[in-house]
Amino acid sequence: MHPQLSEHKTPQCADLIQKLNACHEQRNVAKFFGACNDLKNELTLCLRADRKERSRKNLDAARKKKAEVDRAWKDIEEGK
């Protein structure tokens, strides 16, 4: 199961989202028997790559912020 599929939240996966939605609309019954599974798997990989990229960026930002805070505390301690 995917999170809410919004094209504006994951623009790099927008094409796959549209294709999966179209598959579900065109193959009402067949989707329950795996007709759209290949698209779903591709979308899962795309969303996973997006999540990993966001996590990496957040981790980099957190490390940078921590370094700034550590420098500030060091300056405060040296000033005493």
PDB file of N, CA and C in Angstrom:
ATOM      1  N   MET A   1       0.845  -1.170   0.000  1.00  0.00           N
ATOM      2  CA  MET A   1       0.000   0.000   0.000  1.00  0.00           C
ATOM      3  C   MET A   1       0.895   1.239   0.000  1.00  0.00           C
ATOM      4  N   HIS A   2       0.539   2.181  -0.819  1.00  0.00           N
ATOM      5  CA  HIS A   2       1.299   3.420  -0.922  1.00  0.00           C
ATOM      6  C   HIS A   2       0.684   4.501  -0.051  1.00  0.00           C
ATOM      7  N   PRO A   3       1.478   5.515   0.273  1.00  0.00           N
ATOM      8  CA  PRO A   3       0.885   6.682   0.923  1.00  0.00           C
ATOM      9  C   PRO A   3      -0.021   7.385  -0.085  1.00  0.00           C
ATOM     10  N   GLN A   4      -0.679   8.428   0.344  1.00  0.00           N
ATOM     11  CA  GLN A   4      -1.523   9.186  -0.578  1.00  0.00           C
ATOM     12  C   GLN A   4      -0.665   9.619  -1.763  1.00  0.00           C
ATOM     13  N   LEU A   5      -1.074   9.243  -2.958  1.00  0.00           N
ATOM     14  CA  LEU A   5      -0.273   9.509  -4.148  1.00  0.00           C
ATOM     15  C   LEU A   5      -0.609  10.885  -4.708  1.00  0.00           C
ATOM     16  N   SER A   6       0.246  11.837  -4.432  1.00  0.00           N
ATOM     17  CA  SER A   6       0.069  13.192  -4.941  1.00  0.00           C
ATOM     18  C   SER A   6       1.218  13.502  -5.873  1.00  0.00           C
ATOM     19  N   GLU A   7       0.881  13.907  -7.075  1.00  0.00           N
ATOM     20  CA  GLU A   7       1.916  14.191  -8.062  1.00  0.00           C
ATOM     21  C   GLU A   7       2.764  15.389  -7.662  1.00  0.00           C
ATOM     22  N   HIS A   8       2.170  16.339  -6.946  1.00  0.00           N
ATOM     23  CA  HIS A   8       2.936  17.525  -6.576  1.00  0.00           C
ATOM     24  C   HIS A   8       3.931  17.237  -5.454  1.00  0.00           C
ATOM     25  N   LYS A   9       3.701  16.181  -4.674  1.00  0.00           N
ATOM     26  CA  LYS A   9       4.638  15.836  -3.605  1.00  0.00           C
ATOM     27  C   LYS A   9       5.840  15.065  -4.129  1.00  0.00           C
ATOM     28  N   THR A  10       5.631  14.291  -5.163  1.00  0.00           N
ATOM     29  CA  THR A  10       6.713  13.504  -5.759  1.00  0.00           C
ATOM     30  C   THR A  10       6.688  13.690  -7.272  1.00  0.00           C
ATOM     31  N   PRO A  11       7.157  14.846  -7.748  1.00  0.00           N
ATOM     32  CA  PRO A  11       7.087  15.117  -9.190  1.00  0.00           C
ATOM     33  C   PRO A  11       7.882  14.129 -10.040  1.00  0.00           C
ATOM     34  N   GLN A  12       8.969  13.556  -9.509  1.00  0.00           N
ATOM     35  CA  GLN A  12       9.758  12.613 -10.292  1.00  0.00           C
ATOM     36  C   GLN A  12       9.017  11.292 -10.492  1.00  0.00           C
ATOM     37  N   CYS A  13       7.986  11.033  -9.697  1.00  0.00           N
ATOM     38  CA  CYS A  13       7.198   9.806  -9.839  1.00  0.00           C
ATOM     39  C   CYS A  13       5.828  10.081 -10.460  1.00  0.00           C
ATOM     40  N   ALA A  14       5.585  11.303 -10.893  1.00  0.00           N
ATOM     41  CA  ALA A  14       4.263  11.700 -11.389  1.00  0.00           C
ATOM     42  C   ALA A  14       3.811  10.838 -12.560  1.00  0.00           C
ATOM     43  N   ASP A  15       4.726  10.527 -13.468  1.00  0.00           N
ATOM     44  CA  ASP A  15       4.364   9.721 -14.636  1.00  0.00           C
ATOM     45  C   ASP A  15       3.883   8.333 -14.210  1.00  0.00           C
ATOM     46  N   LEU A  16       4.584   7.737 -13.266  1.00  0.00           N
ATOM     47  CA  LEU A  16       4.190   6.408 -12.786  1.00  0.00           C
ATOM     48  C   LEU A  16       2.865   6.460 -12.036  1.00  0.00           C
ATOM     49  N   ILE A  17       2.637   7.528 -11.289  1.00  0.00           N
ATOM     50  CA  ILE A  17       1.370   7.687 -10.571  1.00  0.00           C
ATOM     51  C   ILE A  17       0.216   7.755 -11.564  1.00  0.00           C
ATOM     52  N   GLN A  18       0.396   8.543 -12.619  1.00  0.00           N
ATOM     53  CA  GLN A  18      -0.652   8.665 -13.635  1.00  0.00           C
ATOM     54  C   GLN A  18      -0.909   7.324 -14.319  1.00  0.00           C
ATOM     55  N   LYS A  19       0.163   6.615 -14.643  1.00  0.00           N
ATOM     56  CA  LYS A  19       0.008   5.311 -15.308  1.00  0.00           C
ATOM     57  C   LYS A  19      -0.702   4.302 -14.404  1.00  0.00           C
ATOM     58  N   LEU A  20      -0.348   4.288 -13.118  1.00  0.00           N
ATOM     59  CA  LEU A  20      -0.990   3.354 -12.189  1.00  0.00           C
ATOM     60  C   LEU A  20      -2.464   3.699 -12.011  1.00  0.00           C
ATOM     61  N   ASN A  21      -2.780   4.976 -11.866  1.00  0.00           N
ATOM     62  CA  ASN A  21      -4.183   5.383 -11.744  1.00  0.00           C
ATOM     63  C   ASN A  21      -4.968   5.011 -12.997  1.00  0.00           C
ATOM     64  N   ALA A  22      -4.366   5.216 -14.167  1.00  0.00           N
ATOM     65  CA  ALA A  22      -5.029   4.851 -15.422  1.00  0.00           C
ATOM     66  C   ALA A  22      -5.243   3.340 -15.497  1.00  0.00           C
ATOM     67  N   CYS A  23      -4.265   2.581 -15.074  1.00  0.00           N
ATOM     68  CA  CYS A  23      -4.384   1.118 -15.078  1.00  0.00           C
ATOM     69  C   CYS A  23      -5.541   0.686 -14.175  1.00  0.00           C
ATOM     70  N   HIS A  24      -5.629   1.290 -12.992  1.00  0.00           N
ATOM     71  CA  HIS A  24      -6.704   0.943 -12.067  1.00  0.00           C
ATOM     72  C   HIS A  24      -8.072   1.319 -12.621  1.00  0.00           C
ATOM     73  N   GLU A  25      -8.140   2.432 -13.348  1.00  0.00           N
ATOM     74  CA  GLU A  25      -9.421   2.851 -13.927  1.00  0.00           C
ATOM     75  C   GLU A  25      -9.816   1.967 -15.107  1.00  0.00           C
ATOM     76  N   GLN A  26      -8.848   1.593 -15.923  1.00  0.00           N
ATOM     77  CA  GLN A  26      -9.135   0.821 -17.134  1.00  0.00           C
ATOM     78  C   GLN A  26      -9.350  -0.664 -16.852  1.00  0.00           C
ATOM     79  N   ARG A  27      -8.747  -1.150 -15.820  1.00  0.00           N
ATOM     80  CA  ARG A  27      -8.810  -2.593 -15.520  1.00  0.00           C
ATOM     81  C   ARG A  27      -9.438  -2.800 -14.141  1.00  0.00           C
ATOM     82  N   ASN A  28     -10.715  -2.480 -14.051  1.00  0.00           N
ATOM     83  CA  ASN A  28     -11.417  -2.513 -12.766  1.00  0.00           C
ATOM     84  C   ASN A  28     -11.283  -3.841 -12.035  1.00  0.00           C
ATOM     85  N   VAL A  29     -11.507  -4.925 -12.706  1.00  0.00           N
ATOM     86  CA  VAL A  29     -11.468  -6.237 -12.059  1.00  0.00           C
ATOM     87  C   VAL A  29     -10.074  -6.852 -12.151  1.00  0.00           C
ATOM     88  N   ALA A  30      -9.421  -6.675 -13.276  1.00  0.00           N
ATOM     89  CA  ALA A  30      -8.107  -7.289 -13.487  1.00  0.00           C
ATOM     90  C   ALA A  30      -7.066  -6.778 -12.499  1.00  0.00           C
ATOM     91  N   LYS A  31      -7.256  -5.561 -11.987  1.00  0.00           N
ATOM     92  CA  LYS A  31      -6.278  -5.029 -11.028  1.00  0.00           C
ATOM     93  C   LYS A  31      -6.201  -5.889  -9.770  1.00  0.00           C
ATOM     94  N   PHE A  32      -7.296  -6.589  -9.458  1.00  0.00           N
ATOM     95  CA  PHE A  32      -7.302  -7.461  -8.282  1.00  0.00           C
ATOM     96  C   PHE A  32      -6.535  -8.759  -8.523  1.00  0.00           C
ATOM     97  N   PHE A  33      -6.238  -9.031  -9.777  1.00  0.00           N
ATOM     98  CA  PHE A  33      -5.512 -10.249 -10.133  1.00  0.00           C
ATOM     99  C   PHE A  33      -4.096  -9.955 -10.618  1.00  0.00           C
ATOM    100  N   GLY A  34      -3.599  -8.767 -10.319  1.00  0.00           N
ATOM    101  CA  GLY A  34      -2.208  -8.442 -10.601  1.00  0.00           C
ATOM    102  C   GLY A  34      -1.929  -7.754 -11.913  1.00  0.00           C
ATOM    103  N   ALA A  35      -2.940  -7.248 -12.586  1.00  0.00           N
ATOM    104  CA  ALA A  35      -2.724  -6.609 -13.887  1.00  0.00           C
ATOM    105  C   ALA A  35      -1.866  -5.353 -13.781  1.00  0.00           C
ATOM    106  N   CYS A  36      -1.897  -4.688 -12.642  1.00  0.00           N
ATOM    107  CA  CYS A  36      -1.164  -3.423 -12.476  1.00  0.00           C
ATOM    108  C   CYS A  36       0.055  -3.569 -11.566  1.00  0.00           C
ATOM    109  N   ASN A  37       0.420  -4.798 -11.239  1.00  0.00           N
ATOM    110  CA  ASN A  37       1.500  -5.012 -10.275  1.00  0.00           C
ATOM    111  C   ASN A  37       2.856  -4.500 -10.751  1.00  0.00           C
ATOM    112  N   ASP A  38       3.152  -4.616 -12.033  1.00  0.00           N
ATOM    113  CA  ASP A  38       4.445  -4.136 -12.533  1.00  0.00           C
ATOM    114  C   ASP A  38       4.569  -2.629 -12.337  1.00  0.00           C
ATOM    115  N   LEU A  39       3.503  -1.904 -12.658  1.00  0.00           N
ATOM    116  CA  LEU A  39       3.516  -0.450 -12.448  1.00  0.00           C
ATOM    117  C   LEU A  39       3.623  -0.118 -10.970  1.00  0.00           C
ATOM    118  N   LYS A  40       2.910  -0.878 -10.152  1.00  0.00           N
ATOM    119  CA  LYS A  40       2.948  -0.646  -8.707  1.00  0.00           C
ATOM    120  C   LYS A  40       4.360  -0.854  -8.167  1.00  0.00           C
ATOM    121  N   ASN A  41       5.044  -1.892  -8.639  1.00  0.00           N
ATOM    122  CA  ASN A  41       6.412  -2.158  -8.187  1.00  0.00           C
ATOM    123  C   ASN A  41       7.371  -1.054  -8.631  1.00  0.00           C
ATOM    124  N   GLU A  42       7.211  -0.574  -9.860  1.00  0.00           N
ATOM    125  CA  GLU A  42       8.042   0.543 -10.331  1.00  0.00           C
ATOM    126  C   GLU A  42       7.802   1.786  -9.486  1.00  0.00           C
ATOM    127  N   LEU A  43       6.539   2.045  -9.176  1.00  0.00           N
ATOM    128  CA  LEU A  43       6.199   3.207  -8.357  1.00  0.00           C
ATOM    129  C   LEU A  43       6.777   3.068  -6.954  1.00  0.00           C
ATOM    130  N   THR A  44       6.723   1.873  -6.405  1.00  0.00           N
ATOM    131  CA  THR A  44       7.297   1.629  -5.082  1.00  0.00           C
ATOM    132  C   THR A  44       8.788   1.953  -5.076  1.00  0.00           C
ATOM    133  N   LEU A  45       9.506   1.524  -6.105  1.00  0.00           N
ATOM    134  CA  LEU A  45      10.942   1.811  -6.193  1.00  0.00           C
ATOM    135  C   LEU A  45      11.200   3.308  -6.328  1.00  0.00           C
ATOM    136  N   CYS A  46      10.374   3.983  -7.111  1.00  0.00           N
ATOM    137  CA  CYS A  46      10.525   5.424  -7.294  1.00  0.00           C
ATOM    138  C   CYS A  46      10.273   6.164  -5.979  1.00  0.00           C
ATOM    139  N   LEU A  47       9.198   5.791  -5.279  1.00  0.00           N
ATOM    140  CA  LEU A  47       8.880   6.436  -4.005  1.00  0.00           C
ATOM    141  C   LEU A  47       9.957   6.153  -2.962  1.00  0.00           C
ATOM    142  N   ARG A  48      10.499   4.946  -2.977  1.00  0.00           N
ATOM    143  CA  ARG A  48      11.567   4.595  -2.036  1.00  0.00           C
ATOM    144  C   ARG A  48      12.813   5.441  -2.300  1.00  0.00           C
ATOM    145  N   ALA A  49      13.159   5.600  -3.572  1.00  0.00           N
ATOM    146  CA  ALA A  49      14.325   6.422  -3.922  1.00  0.00           C
ATOM    147  C   ALA A  49      14.103   7.866  -3.487  1.00  0.00           C
ATOM    148  N   ASP A  50      12.886   8.367  -3.664  1.00  0.00           N
ATOM    149  CA  ASP A  50      12.565   9.731  -3.240  1.00  0.00           C
ATOM    150  C   ASP A  50      12.691   9.866  -1.726  1.00  0.00           C
ATOM    151  N   ARG A  51      12.178   8.891  -0.996  1.00  0.00           N
ATOM    152  CA  ARG A  51      12.251   8.929   0.465  1.00  0.00           C
ATOM    153  C   ARG A  51      13.701   8.880   0.940  1.00  0.00           C
ATOM    154  N   LYS A  52      14.506   8.029   0.313  1.00  0.00           N
ATOM    155  CA  LYS A  52      15.916   7.935   0.698  1.00  0.00           C
ATOM    156  C   LYS A  52      16.645   9.250   0.438  1.00  0.00           C
ATOM    157  N   GLU A  53      16.340   9.893  -0.676  1.00  0.00           N
ATOM    158  CA  GLU A  53      16.965  11.176  -1.001  1.00  0.00           C
ATOM    159  C   GLU A  53      16.564  12.242   0.018  1.00  0.00           C
ATOM    160  N   ARG A  54      15.272  12.290   0.366  1.00  0.00           N
ATOM    161  CA  ARG A  54      14.821  13.260   1.368  1.00  0.00           C
ATOM    162  C   ARG A  54      15.466  12.980   2.720  1.00  0.00           C
ATOM    163  N   SER A  55      15.586  11.711   3.084  1.00  0.00           N
ATOM    164  CA  SER A  55      16.220  11.346   4.353  1.00  0.00           C
ATOM    165  C   SER A  55      17.685  11.770   4.371  1.00  0.00           C
ATOM    166  N   ARG A  56      18.377  11.560   3.251  1.00  0.00           N
ATOM    167  CA  ARG A  56      19.785  11.954   3.170  1.00  0.00           C
ATOM    168  C   ARG A  56      19.931  13.460   3.325  1.00  0.00           C
ATOM    169  N   LYS A  57      19.072  14.213   2.639  1.00  0.00           N
ATOM    170  CA  LYS A  57      19.128  15.675   2.741  1.00  0.00           C
ATOM    171  C   LYS A  57      18.827  16.141   4.159  1.00  0.00           C
ATOM    172  N   ASN A  58      17.824  15.525   4.794  1.00  0.00           N
ATOM    173  CA  ASN A  58      17.488  15.896   6.167  1.00  0.00           C
ATOM    174  C   ASN A  58      18.633  15.577   7.118  1.00  0.00           C
ATOM    175  N   LEU A  59      19.289  14.440   6.917  1.00  0.00           N
ATOM    176  CA  LEU A  59      20.419  14.070   7.763  1.00  0.00           C
ATOM    177  C   LEU A  59      21.572  15.051   7.578  1.00  0.00           C
ATOM    178  N   ASP A  60      21.860  15.424   6.338  1.00  0.00           N
ATOM    179  CA  ASP A  60      22.915  16.403   6.077  1.00  0.00           C
ATOM    180  C   ASP A  60      22.601  17.737   6.745  1.00  0.00           C
ATOM    181  N   ALA A  61      21.343  18.173   6.645  1.00  0.00           N
ATOM    182  CA  ALA A  61      20.938  19.439   7.264  1.00  0.00           C
ATOM    183  C   ALA A  61      21.046  19.351   8.782  1.00  0.00           C
ATOM    184  N   ALA A  62      20.670  18.211   9.358  1.00  0.00           N
ATOM    185  CA  ALA A  62      20.747  18.033  10.808  1.00  0.00           C
ATOM    186  C   ALA A  62      22.200  18.041  11.278  1.00  0.00           C
ATOM    187  N   ARG A  63      23.078  17.409  10.518  1.00  0.00           N
ATOM    188  CA  ARG A  63      24.497  17.406  10.892  1.00  0.00           C
ATOM    189  C   ARG A  63      25.084  18.813  10.821  1.00  0.00           C
ATOM    190  N   LYS A  64      24.696  19.557   9.796  1.00  0.00           N
ATOM    191  CA  LYS A  64      25.178  20.928   9.663  1.00  0.00           C
ATOM    192  C   LYS A  64      24.679  21.781  10.834  1.00  0.00           C
ATOM    193  N   LYS A  65      23.411  21.638  11.179  1.00  0.00           N
ATOM    194  CA  LYS A  65      22.833  22.401  12.287  1.00  0.00           C
ATOM    195  C   LYS A  65      23.514  22.030  13.597  1.00  0.00           C
ATOM    196  N   LYS A  66      23.776  20.739  13.811  1.00  0.00           N
ATOM    197  CA  LYS A  66      24.444  20.303  15.040  1.00  0.00           C
ATOM    198  C   LYS A  66      25.850  20.878  15.120  1.00  0.00           C
ATOM    199  N   ALA A  67      26.555  20.917  14.003  1.00  0.00           N
ATOM    200  CA  ALA A  67      27.902  21.490  13.994  1.00  0.00           C
ATOM    201  C   ALA A  67      27.847  22.971  14.365  1.00  0.00           C
ATOM    202  N   GLU A  68      26.838  23.692  13.860  1.00  0.00           N
ATOM    203  CA  GLU A  68      26.690  25.109  14.206  1.00  0.00           C
ATOM    204  C   GLU A  68      26.410  25.281  15.693  1.00  0.00           C
ATOM    205  N   VAL A  69      25.544  24.450  16.235  1.00  0.00           N
ATOM    206  CA  VAL A  69      25.214  24.527  17.661  1.00  0.00           C
ATOM    207  C   VAL A  69      26.440  24.186  18.498  1.00  0.00           C
ATOM    208  N   ASP A  70      27.176  23.154  18.103  1.00  0.00           N
ATOM    209  CA  ASP A  70      28.390  22.779  18.841  1.00  0.00           C
ATOM    210  C   ASP A  70      29.413  23.908  18.829  1.00  0.00           C
ATOM    211  N   ARG A  71      29.569  24.572  17.663  1.00  0.00           N
ATOM    212  CA  ARG A  71      30.492  25.709  17.595  1.00  0.00           C
ATOM    213  C   ARG A  71      30.026  26.843  18.498  1.00  0.00           C
ATOM    214  N   ALA A  72      28.733  27.099  18.514  1.00  0.00           N
ATOM    215  CA  ALA A  72      28.198  28.167  19.360  1.00  0.00           C
ATOM    216  C   ALA A  72      28.448  27.861  20.830  1.00  0.00           C
ATOM    217  N   TRP A  73      28.212  26.620  21.239  1.00  0.00           N
ATOM    218  CA  TRP A  73      28.462  26.249  22.628  1.00  0.00           C
ATOM    219  C   TRP A  73      29.954  26.339  22.962  1.00  0.00           C
ATOM    220  N   LYS A  74      30.790  25.950  22.030  1.00  0.00           N
ATOM    221  CA  LYS A  74      32.234  26.034  22.260  1.00  0.00           C
ATOM    222  C   LYS A  74      32.648  27.490  22.450  1.00  0.00           C
ATOM    223  N   ASP A  75      32.095  28.380  21.625  1.00  0.00           N
ATOM    224  CA  ASP A  75      32.390  29.807  21.765  1.00  0.00           C
ATOM    225  C   ASP A  75      31.912  30.337  23.106  1.00  0.00           C
ATOM    226  N   ILE A  76      30.747  29.895  23.546  1.00  0.00           N
ATOM    227  CA  ILE A  76      30.212  30.336  24.839  1.00  0.00           C
ATOM    228  C   ILE A  76      31.106  29.850  25.963  1.00  0.00           C
ATOM    229  N   GLU A  77      31.525  28.579  25.907  1.00  0.00           N
ATOM    230  CA  GLU A  77      32.361  28.012  26.962  1.00  0.00           C
ATOM    231  C   GLU A  77      33.737  28.665  26.992  1.00  0.00           C
ATOM    232  N   GLU A  78      34.287  29.007  25.845  1.00  0.00           N
ATOM    233  CA  GLU A  78      35.592  29.660  25.803  1.00  0.00           C
ATOM    234  C   GLU A  78      35.509  31.089  26.310  1.00  0.00           C
ATOM    235  N   GLY A  79      34.366  31.698  26.173  1.00  0.00           N
ATOM    236  CA  GLY A  79      34.180  33.069  26.617  1.00  0.00           C
ATOM    237  C   GLY A  79      34.092  33.205  28.125  1.00  0.00           C
ATOM    238  N   LYS A  80      33.894  32.109  28.837  1.00  0.00           N
ATOM    239  CA  LYS A  80      33.765  32.167  30.302  1.00  0.00           C
ATOM    240  C   LYS A  80      35.083  32.377  30.966  1.00  0.00           C
TER     241      LYS A  80
END
